[in-house]
Amino acid sequence: MGIKLHSDLDTSSIGKDQQSKQAQPGTDERYRNMIQNLPQVVFEIDMNGCWSFLNTSWALFSGFEVDECIGSSYLDYVHPQDRPRCKGVFDNMRSGEVEHCTDAFRFLVSDGNYLWIEIHAALARSSENKPSGIVGTIVNISDRVSEEELLLANQRTLTATLNDLPGMVYRCRNNPDYTMEYVSGSSYQLTGYHAQDIINNKRLSYGSMIHPDDKLGVWEGVQKGIRENRRFELVYRIITADGKEKPVWECGKGIIANNNEWLGLEGLIIDFTRQKANALNQLENQLYDEVTGFPSLPLFLDRLQSTIQSDGDRDFNAILFVVHLDRVLNVLDQVDSEAFNKASIEVGERLASITGPRDSIARLDNERWGILINNRDEKLSISSVAQQIQDLFLEPVMIGSSNIYVTTSIGVAACNDRLQNAEELLRNAGHAMDRAHALGGGRYEIFDPQIHKQYITGI
């Protein structure tokens, strides 16, 4: 069955009503006003591919008047490079091959530019249950596309730098074996062993690679850094898979639990030469947020990608929470960067207080944080974690000289082997967060593809 805008409202008549400017009394009028006042563009395309209905948001989005567009082909507004794909999608719907779709295209606006939009559309049927056209919504996602392209560029930059400087990012337990829980993909270039050989000491431990004459010095250097609660930097030798000695440089820090117990280590180990010293400092800055000290966006994405790729081999759940701090943007312009940075550190410390040693946290932007929760012991309670996050902000956040009460809009997405990449996982959680925010904030929503489509198209 196709989707109607409302069970009492025949979608095939919307365009005619708009052209005649005649409003029906009662329920139809109430729903018509609701549709006209929506911030998203609501549209209907007839079986000939022409606009038969556009709500008033179309004029605000495109700059074109509604009356001048009704009756014209929707393809006239699609970027030439996107037209074949857009036409194929809509033709499949009109023929009944598919009932609904979600896709992104570039649409023309009145100043001659093109904006990225996301279309959520469904097949419309008449009261006789015959296909009458396509109905749906249009949302401007140009800002989101720019952010995602920036994230991809940042991740590509990090990956390229790691490839140029053979080394590995790691997280391990604080024991003489340095049992690895996470290793980046560059481990083979550094050690001659693949990541899966080292993680959980499957083939050998990283500690067994350290040169016998250097093991004691490495252990003492690490423990000294932990005792003094600072990052440690070490230069020592490892024995690679081909039996050769290789000098390495390591920069790491301890992972501390809520009860101040040191649980593990994380850092970077890299092939050491004098010529690479300057590049090392640059790489370290890319790995961690300079304000909060938490993983940077590229490193966080790398950890998401690693979690996705290893999902099938694990016996625990992984859930991504994207947390939006409602109303924070309202005060951002009223304080200086130093005050806001202090507030970001406080927010990060609150969120980190509910995470474990295997979890990851990152500041995505000024309003949003990402938390990857890994649970090995039992099924993860999403509602429990979401409630913990909300409870963290029962007390106000000090921003500048003001105590600001904030609520949280939380989006949740599960890690599974159907995901193609880290960006898709982050995008899914972001969609759920947007829905929670649109529903008033102070709540959480779990991403579900079907619910997401119904939320956008089933108006």
Protein backbone atom coordinates (compact mmCIF):
# COMPACT_ATOMS: atom_id res chain seq x y z
CA MET A 1 0.00 0.00 0.00
CA GLY A 2 1.15 3.53 -0.68
CA ILE A 3 1.21 6.38 1.80
CA LYS A 4 -1.33 9.20 1.99
CA LEU A 5 -0.74 12.53 3.66
CA HIS A 6 -3.76 11.68 5.83
CA SER A 7 -6.37 8.98 5.70
CA ASP A 8 -9.16 11.56 5.32
CA LEU A 9 -7.33 13.58 2.68
CA ASP A 10 -7.08 12.28 -0.91
CA THR A 11 -3.54 13.15 -2.02
CA SER A 12 -4.61 13.34 -5.66
CA SER A 13 -6.72 16.39 -4.85
CA ILE A 14 -4.10 18.48 -3.08
CA GLY A 15 -2.73 20.12 -6.18
CA LYS A 16 -6.20 20.88 -7.51
CA ASP A 17 -7.13 22.47 -4.19
CA GLN A 18 -4.04 24.66 -4.32
CA GLN A 19 -4.67 25.79 -7.87
CA SER A 20 -8.32 26.60 -7.19
CA LYS A 21 -7.45 28.24 -3.82
CA GLN A 22 -10.62 26.72 -2.39
CA ALA A 23 -10.30 25.42 1.18
CA GLN A 24 -12.46 22.57 2.41
CA PRO A 25 -14.04 23.09 5.83
CA GLY A 26 -13.46 20.98 8.92
CA THR A 27 -10.77 18.33 9.25
CA ASP A 28 -9.29 18.82 5.78
CA GLU A 29 -8.72 22.52 6.45
CA ARG A 30 -6.97 21.77 9.75
CA TYR A 31 -4.58 19.31 8.13
CA ARG A 32 -3.99 21.60 5.17
CA ASN A 33 -2.94 24.41 7.55
CA MET A 34 -0.68 22.00 9.41
CA ILE A 35 1.08 21.00 6.17
CA GLN A 36 1.48 24.62 5.08
CA ASN A 37 3.13 25.55 8.38
CA LEU A 38 5.69 22.75 8.40
CA PRO A 39 9.34 23.92 8.10
CA GLN A 40 10.09 21.11 5.63
CA VAL A 41 9.06 21.43 2.00
CA VAL A 42 6.05 19.17 1.38
CA PHE A 43 5.43 18.30 -2.28
CA GLU A 44 3.33 16.22 -4.62
CA ILE A 45 4.33 15.23 -8.17
CA ASP A 46 1.68 13.97 -10.60
CA MET A 47 2.06 10.94 -12.87
CA ASN A 48 3.50 13.19 -15.60
CA GLY A 49 6.38 14.30 -13.36
CA CYS A 50 5.04 17.83 -12.71
CA TRP A 51 4.63 19.63 -9.41
CA SER A 52 0.97 19.45 -8.35
CA PHE A 53 1.44 20.67 -4.79
CA LEU A 54 4.11 22.63 -2.89
CA ASN A 55 3.65 24.09 0.56
CA THR A 56 4.81 27.59 1.43
CA SER A 57 8.20 26.35 2.70
CA TRP A 58 9.16 25.77 -0.95
CA ALA A 59 9.34 29.54 -1.55
CA LEU A 60 11.48 30.03 1.58
CA PHE A 61 13.86 27.24 0.54
CA SER A 62 14.17 27.87 -3.20
CA GLY A 63 13.27 31.52 -3.68
CA PHE A 64 10.77 30.53 -6.39
CA GLU A 65 7.09 31.36 -5.95
CA VAL A 66 4.83 28.34 -5.55
CA ASP A 67 2.38 29.45 -8.26
CA GLU A 68 5.07 29.76 -10.92
CA CYS A 69 6.34 26.22 -10.19
CA ILE A 70 3.02 24.32 -10.12
CA GLY A 71 2.63 22.46 -13.41
CA SER A 72 6.35 22.54 -14.28
CA SER A 73 8.59 19.47 -14.31
CA TYR A 74 10.44 18.67 -11.11
CA LEU A 75 13.48 17.75 -13.24
CA ASP A 76 13.86 21.42 -14.22
CA TYR A 77 15.09 22.04 -10.65
CA VAL A 78 17.48 19.07 -10.38
CA HIS A 79 21.20 19.52 -11.07
CA PRO A 80 22.00 18.21 -14.60
CA GLN A 81 24.45 15.65 -13.22
CA ASP A 82 21.82 14.33 -10.78
CA ARG A 83 18.87 14.21 -13.21
CA PRO A 84 19.36 10.66 -14.57
CA ARG A 85 19.60 9.22 -11.05
CA CYS A 86 16.69 11.30 -9.71
CA LYS A 87 14.50 10.40 -12.70
CA GLY A 88 15.33 6.72 -12.27
CA VAL A 89 14.34 6.79 -8.59
CA PHE A 90 11.04 8.58 -9.24
CA ASP A 91 10.21 6.46 -12.30
CA ASN A 92 10.62 3.31 -10.20
CA MET A 93 8.16 4.73 -7.71
CA ARG A 94 5.59 5.77 -10.32
CA SER A 95 5.75 2.29 -11.87
CA GLY A 96 5.14 0.70 -8.47
CA GLU A 97 8.55 -1.05 -8.27
CA VAL A 98 9.22 0.66 -4.95
CA GLU A 99 6.79 2.30 -2.54
CA HIS A 100 9.12 4.85 -0.91
CA CYS A 101 12.67 6.19 -1.02
CA THR A 102 15.19 8.38 0.77
CA ASP A 103 17.90 9.99 -1.34
CA ALA A 104 20.00 13.14 -1.73
CA PHE A 105 20.23 15.40 -4.79
CA ARG A 106 21.24 18.94 -5.70
CA PHE A 107 18.34 21.33 -6.34
CA LEU A 108 18.33 24.70 -8.09
CA VAL A 109 17.47 27.85 -6.12
CA SER A 110 16.52 31.26 -7.45
CA ASP A 111 20.03 32.79 -7.23
CA GLY A 112 21.32 30.18 -9.68
CA ASN A 113 23.14 28.07 -7.13
CA TYR A 114 22.43 24.45 -6.21
CA LEU A 115 21.83 23.20 -2.67
CA TRP A 116 22.07 19.65 -1.40
CA ILE A 117 18.66 18.37 -0.33
CA GLU A 118 17.41 15.13 1.16
CA ILE A 119 14.16 13.80 -0.31
CA HIS A 120 11.90 11.42 1.58
CA ALA A 121 9.17 10.33 -0.82
CA ALA A 122 6.38 7.75 -1.09
CA LEU A 123 3.97 6.56 -3.76
CA ALA A 124 0.61 8.34 -3.49
CA ARG A 125 -2.64 6.54 -4.30
CA SER A 126 -6.11 7.79 -5.08
CA SER A 127 -9.25 6.75 -3.21
CA GLU A 128 -9.53 3.91 -5.75
CA ASN A 129 -6.05 2.74 -4.66
CA LYS A 130 -4.50 3.60 -8.03
CA PRO A 131 -1.10 5.36 -8.25
CA SER A 132 -1.70 9.09 -8.49
CA GLY A 133 1.84 10.45 -8.12
CA ILE A 134 4.54 10.92 -5.50
CA VAL A 135 4.34 12.77 -2.19
CA GLY A 136 7.14 13.59 0.20
CA THR A 137 9.33 16.15 1.90
CA ILE A 138 12.47 18.07 1.01
CA VAL A 139 15.06 19.05 3.65
CA ASN A 140 18.07 21.31 3.05
CA ILE A 141 21.16 19.31 4.08
CA SER A 142 23.85 21.53 2.54
CA ASP A 143 25.37 22.31 5.96
CA ARG A 144 25.35 18.65 6.94
CA VAL A 145 26.97 17.58 3.65
CA SER A 146 29.70 20.16 4.20
CA GLU A 147 30.30 18.86 7.74
CA GLU A 148 30.41 15.24 6.54
CA GLU A 149 32.83 16.15 3.75
CA LEU A 150 35.01 17.88 6.34
CA LEU A 151 34.92 14.80 8.57
CA LEU A 152 35.91 12.63 5.62
CA ALA A 153 38.70 15.03 4.71
CA ASN A 154 39.97 15.02 8.30
CA GLN A 155 39.91 11.24 8.38
CA ARG A 156 41.73 11.03 5.04
CA THR A 157 44.35 13.45 6.38
CA LEU A 158 44.87 11.33 9.48
CA THR A 159 45.06 8.12 7.45
CA ALA A 160 47.53 9.65 5.00
CA THR A 161 49.71 10.93 7.82
CA LEU A 162 49.73 7.53 9.49
CA ASN A 163 50.69 5.94 6.18
CA ASP A 164 53.54 8.42 5.72
CA LEU A 165 54.79 7.80 9.27
CA PRO A 166 54.57 4.03 9.79
CA GLY A 167 53.30 3.53 13.33
CA MET A 168 50.24 2.52 15.27
CA VAL A 169 47.65 4.03 17.58
CA TYR A 170 46.88 1.68 20.47
CA ARG A 171 44.91 1.08 23.64
CA CYS A 172 46.17 -1.62 26.00
CA ARG A 173 46.12 -2.93 29.55
CA ASN A 174 48.75 -1.82 32.02
CA ASN A 175 50.58 -5.12 32.39
CA PRO A 176 54.05 -6.36 31.34
CA ASP A 177 52.55 -7.86 28.16
CA TYR A 178 50.87 -4.54 27.26
CA THR A 179 47.85 -6.62 26.16
CA MET A 180 46.37 -4.69 23.23
CA GLU A 181 42.62 -4.04 23.10
CA TYR A 182 42.80 -1.76 20.05
CA VAL A 183 45.49 -1.35 17.39
CA SER A 184 45.29 0.78 14.23
CA GLY A 185 45.87 -0.67 10.80
CA SER A 186 49.50 0.51 10.59
CA SER A 187 50.77 -2.16 12.98
CA TYR A 188 52.04 -4.32 10.11
CA GLN A 189 54.30 -1.56 8.75
CA LEU A 190 55.72 -0.98 12.24
CA THR A 191 56.09 -4.52 13.61
CA GLY A 192 55.59 -6.92 10.71
CA TYR A 193 52.53 -8.32 12.51
CA HIS A 194 48.90 -7.66 11.60
CA ALA A 195 46.58 -6.04 14.15
CA GLN A 196 44.63 -9.28 14.72
CA ASP A 197 47.90 -11.02 15.65
CA ILE A 198 48.53 -8.58 18.50
CA ILE A 199 45.03 -7.81 19.88
CA ASN A 200 44.37 -9.81 23.06
CA ASN A 201 47.76 -11.53 22.52
CA LYS A 202 46.20 -13.81 19.92
CA ARG A 203 49.56 -14.69 18.35
CA LEU A 204 51.97 -12.78 20.57
CA SER A 205 51.96 -9.84 22.98
CA TYR A 206 53.39 -6.44 22.21
CA GLY A 207 55.49 -6.77 25.39
CA SER A 208 57.25 -9.79 23.90
CA MET A 209 58.41 -7.62 20.97
CA ILE A 210 60.28 -5.16 23.20
CA HIS A 211 64.03 -5.75 23.18
CA PRO A 212 65.05 -7.68 26.36
CA ASP A 213 67.56 -4.98 27.32
CA ASP A 214 64.86 -2.26 27.09
CA LYS A 215 61.92 -3.96 28.84
CA LEU A 216 62.71 -2.75 32.35
CA GLY A 217 63.29 0.84 31.22
CA VAL A 218 60.01 0.88 29.27
CA TRP A 219 58.06 -0.49 32.23
CA GLU A 220 59.56 2.02 34.66
CA GLY A 221 58.98 4.92 32.24
CA VAL A 222 55.32 3.99 31.81
CA GLN A 223 54.71 3.56 35.53
CA LYS A 224 56.42 6.88 36.29
CA GLY A 225 54.09 8.65 33.85
CA ILE A 226 51.08 7.01 35.51
CA ARG A 227 52.22 7.95 39.02
CA GLU A 228 52.77 11.55 37.98
CA ASN A 229 49.50 11.65 36.02
CA ARG A 230 51.14 12.87 32.83
CA ARG A 231 51.90 11.69 29.33
CA PHE A 232 55.03 9.62 28.92
CA GLU A 233 57.46 9.66 25.98
CA LEU A 234 59.86 6.77 25.43
CA VAL A 235 62.42 5.68 22.85
CA TYR A 236 63.30 1.99 22.79
CA ARG A 237 63.82 -1.00 20.48
CA ILE A 238 61.43 -3.69 19.33
CA ILE A 239 62.14 -6.96 17.51
CA THR A 240 60.07 -7.09 14.31
CA ALA A 241 58.58 -10.19 12.69
CA ASP A 242 61.69 -10.64 10.52
CA GLY A 243 63.93 -10.65 13.61
CA LYS A 244 65.41 -7.17 13.11
CA GLU A 245 65.79 -4.46 15.76
CA LYS A 246 63.81 -1.27 15.15
CA PRO A 247 63.94 1.91 17.27
CA VAL A 248 60.49 3.27 18.12
CA TRP A 249 59.13 6.40 19.78
CA GLU A 250 56.08 6.06 22.02
CA CYS A 251 53.82 8.77 23.43
CA GLY A 252 51.05 7.57 25.74
CA LYS A 253 48.95 8.27 28.79
CA GLY A 254 47.04 6.31 31.41
CA ILE A 255 43.30 5.61 31.34
CA ILE A 256 41.71 6.35 34.70
CA ALA A 257 38.40 4.96 36.01
CA ASN A 258 35.78 6.79 38.08
CA ASN A 259 37.34 5.48 41.31
CA ASN A 260 40.78 6.84 40.26
CA GLU A 261 42.04 3.33 39.47
CA TRP A 262 44.43 3.17 36.50
CA LEU A 263 42.95 0.68 34.03
CA GLY A 264 45.08 0.89 30.92
CA LEU A 265 47.10 2.93 28.46
CA GLU A 266 46.53 4.59 25.12
CA GLY A 267 48.88 6.35 22.76
CA LEU A 268 50.98 6.23 19.63
CA ILE A 269 54.03 4.10 18.74
CA ILE A 270 55.96 5.11 15.67
CA ASP A 271 59.15 4.27 13.78
CA PHE A 272 61.70 6.69 15.19
CA THR A 273 64.19 8.77 13.22
CA ARG A 274 65.50 12.26 13.83
CA GLN A 275 64.06 13.39 10.52
CA LYS A 276 60.50 12.57 11.66
CA ALA A 277 60.57 14.47 14.95
CA ASN A 278 58.64 17.51 13.66
CA ALA A 279 56.07 15.34 11.97
CA LEU A 280 55.48 13.46 15.23
CA ASN A 281 54.34 16.60 17.01
CA GLN A 282 51.96 17.38 14.17
CA LEU A 283 50.50 13.88 14.27
CA GLU A 284 50.01 13.96 18.04
CA ASN A 285 47.98 17.17 17.70
CA GLN A 286 45.74 15.45 15.16
CA LEU A 287 45.00 12.56 17.49
CA TYR A 288 43.53 14.52 20.40
CA ASP A 289 41.23 17.52 20.82
CA GLU A 290 43.51 20.35 21.96
CA VAL A 291 40.81 21.74 24.28
CA THR A 292 39.37 18.62 25.96
CA GLY A 293 42.18 16.10 25.54
CA PHE A 294 39.69 13.52 24.25
CA PRO A 295 40.19 11.77 20.89
CA SER A 296 39.89 14.05 17.87
CA LEU A 297 37.12 13.55 15.30
CA PRO A 298 39.38 11.61 12.90
CA LEU A 299 40.61 9.33 15.69
CA PHE A 300 37.05 8.82 16.95
CA LEU A 301 35.93 7.89 13.43
CA ASP A 302 38.85 5.50 13.19
CA ARG A 303 37.69 3.80 16.40
CA LEU A 304 34.12 3.59 15.08
CA GLN A 305 35.43 2.02 11.88
CA SER A 306 37.49 -0.51 13.86
CA THR A 307 34.42 -1.41 15.94
CA ILE A 308 32.31 -1.96 12.80
CA GLN A 309 34.95 -4.14 11.17
CA SER A 310 35.37 -6.33 14.25
CA ASP A 311 31.66 -6.54 15.12
CA GLY A 312 31.23 -10.08 13.85
CA ASP A 313 34.07 -11.44 16.01
CA ARG A 314 33.00 -9.91 19.32
CA ASP A 315 30.78 -11.19 22.11
CA PHE A 316 29.66 -7.78 23.32
CA ASN A 317 27.45 -4.92 22.18
CA ALA A 318 28.59 -1.58 20.80
CA ILE A 319 26.24 1.41 20.80
CA LEU A 320 26.90 4.97 19.63
CA PHE A 321 25.24 7.84 21.50
CA VAL A 322 25.25 11.33 19.95
CA VAL A 323 24.43 13.88 22.65
CA HIS A 324 23.16 17.36 21.74
CA LEU A 325 23.37 20.00 24.48
CA ASP A 326 20.14 21.93 24.02
CA ARG A 327 20.31 25.73 24.34
CA VAL A 328 24.12 25.88 24.44
CA LEU A 329 24.27 27.66 21.08
CA ASN A 330 22.16 30.48 22.55
CA VAL A 331 25.01 31.53 24.85
CA LEU A 332 27.94 30.77 22.57
CA ASP A 333 28.00 34.28 21.09
CA GLN A 334 27.83 35.85 24.56
CA VAL A 335 31.08 34.45 25.98
CA ASP A 336 34.70 34.36 24.84
CA SER A 337 36.42 31.22 23.60
CA GLU A 338 38.32 30.68 26.85
CA ALA A 339 35.11 30.56 28.88
CA PHE A 340 33.45 28.22 26.41
CA ASN A 341 36.51 25.95 26.34
CA LYS A 342 36.35 25.64 30.13
CA ALA A 343 32.67 24.70 29.81
CA SER A 344 33.54 22.10 27.15
CA ILE A 345 36.11 20.55 29.50
CA GLU A 346 33.49 20.38 32.27
CA VAL A 347 30.94 18.78 29.92
CA GLY A 348 33.51 16.27 28.72
CA GLU A 349 34.45 15.30 32.28
CA ARG A 350 30.80 14.75 33.16
CA LEU A 351 30.20 12.53 30.13
CA ALA A 352 33.45 10.64 30.68
CA SER A 353 32.34 9.80 34.23
CA ILE A 354 29.85 7.22 32.88
CA THR A 355 32.24 5.61 30.40
CA GLY A 356 34.44 2.59 30.92
CA PRO A 357 38.00 1.81 29.87
CA ARG A 358 36.88 0.28 26.56
CA ASP A 359 34.57 3.16 25.63
CA SER A 360 35.44 6.21 23.53
CA ILE A 361 34.26 9.81 23.72
CA ALA A 362 34.80 12.80 21.43
CA ARG A 363 33.56 16.35 21.00
CA LEU A 364 31.91 16.45 17.55
CA ASP A 365 31.29 20.22 17.59
CA ASN A 366 30.34 22.94 20.08
CA GLU A 367 26.92 21.37 20.76
CA ARG A 368 27.38 17.65 20.09
CA TRP A 369 29.36 14.85 21.69
CA GLY A 370 29.82 11.26 20.58
CA ILE A 371 30.06 8.36 23.05
CA LEU A 372 30.83 4.83 21.88
CA ILE A 373 29.83 2.35 24.57
CA ASN A 374 31.30 -1.17 24.42
CA ASN A 375 29.78 -3.73 26.77
CA ARG A 376 31.38 -7.17 27.11
CA ASP A 377 29.50 -8.55 30.10
CA GLU A 378 25.80 -8.23 29.46
CA LYS A 379 23.23 -6.82 27.08
CA LEU A 380 23.57 -3.04 27.03
CA SER A 381 20.63 -1.11 28.50
CA ILE A 382 20.19 1.87 26.20
CA SER A 383 17.57 3.49 28.42
CA SER A 384 19.85 3.19 31.45
CA VAL A 385 22.78 4.87 29.67
CA ALA A 386 20.51 7.60 28.27
CA GLN A 387 19.13 8.28 31.75
CA GLN A 388 22.66 8.48 33.16
CA ILE A 389 23.54 11.07 30.49
CA GLN A 390 20.45 13.14 31.27
CA ASP A 391 21.13 12.95 35.02
CA LEU A 392 24.63 14.38 34.46
CA PHE A 393 23.04 17.73 33.58
CA LEU A 394 20.60 18.09 36.45
CA GLU A 395 23.18 20.55 37.79
CA PRO A 396 23.88 23.67 35.67
CA VAL A 397 26.97 24.09 33.51
CA MET A 398 29.16 27.11 34.27
CA ILE A 399 29.65 29.06 31.01
CA GLY A 400 31.51 32.30 31.64
CA SER A 401 29.95 33.88 34.71
CA SER A 402 26.56 32.20 34.25
CA ASN A 403 25.15 28.89 35.40
CA ILE A 404 23.27 27.46 32.41
CA TYR A 405 20.75 24.66 32.76
CA VAL A 406 20.79 22.43 29.70
CA THR A 407 18.82 19.43 28.55
CA THR A 408 20.08 16.74 26.23
CA SER A 409 18.69 15.40 22.97
CA ILE A 410 20.23 11.95 22.51
CA GLY A 411 20.41 9.90 19.34
CA VAL A 412 21.26 6.21 19.56
CA ALA A 413 22.51 3.87 16.82
CA ALA A 414 23.68 0.29 17.13
CA CYS A 415 26.88 -0.98 15.58
CA ASN A 416 26.26 -3.93 13.26
CA ASP A 417 27.80 -5.64 10.24
CA ARG A 418 25.26 -4.04 7.87
CA LEU A 419 26.96 -0.68 8.25
CA GLN A 420 29.29 0.32 5.43
CA ASN A 421 31.52 2.73 7.35
CA ALA A 422 31.93 4.92 10.42
CA GLU A 423 30.28 7.89 8.71
CA GLU A 424 27.05 5.91 8.26
CA LEU A 425 27.00 4.95 11.95
CA LEU A 426 27.58 8.57 12.98
CA ARG A 427 24.96 9.79 10.50
CA ASN A 428 22.36 7.30 11.81
CA ALA A 429 22.87 8.44 15.40
CA GLY A 430 22.72 12.06 14.19
CA HIS A 431 19.34 11.45 12.50
CA ALA A 432 17.97 9.98 15.73
CA MET A 433 19.36 12.95 17.69
CA ASP A 434 17.69 15.38 15.25
CA ARG A 435 14.38 13.63 15.82
CA ALA A 436 14.78 13.77 19.61
CA HIS A 437 15.57 17.50 19.35
CA ALA A 438 12.61 18.13 17.03
CA LEU A 439 10.30 16.40 19.53
CA GLY A 440 11.24 18.92 22.22
CA GLY A 441 14.57 17.70 23.57
CA GLY A 442 15.25 16.18 26.96
CA ARG A 443 14.77 12.68 25.54
CA TYR A 444 16.45 9.96 23.50
CA GLU A 445 15.50 8.33 20.21
CA ILE A 446 16.86 5.09 18.71
CA PHE A 447 17.62 5.11 14.99
CA ASP A 448 15.47 2.75 12.97
CA PRO A 449 15.42 3.07 9.14
CA GLN A 450 11.69 2.40 8.89
CA ILE A 451 10.77 4.79 11.69
CA HIS A 452 13.09 7.41 10.18
CA LYS A 453 11.28 7.21 6.83
CA GLN A 454 7.85 7.29 8.46
CA TYR A 455 8.85 10.27 10.59
CA ILE A 456 9.83 12.27 7.51
CA THR A 457 7.27 11.06 4.97
CA GLY A 458 4.27 9.94 7.00
CA ILE A 459 3.05 13.41 7.83
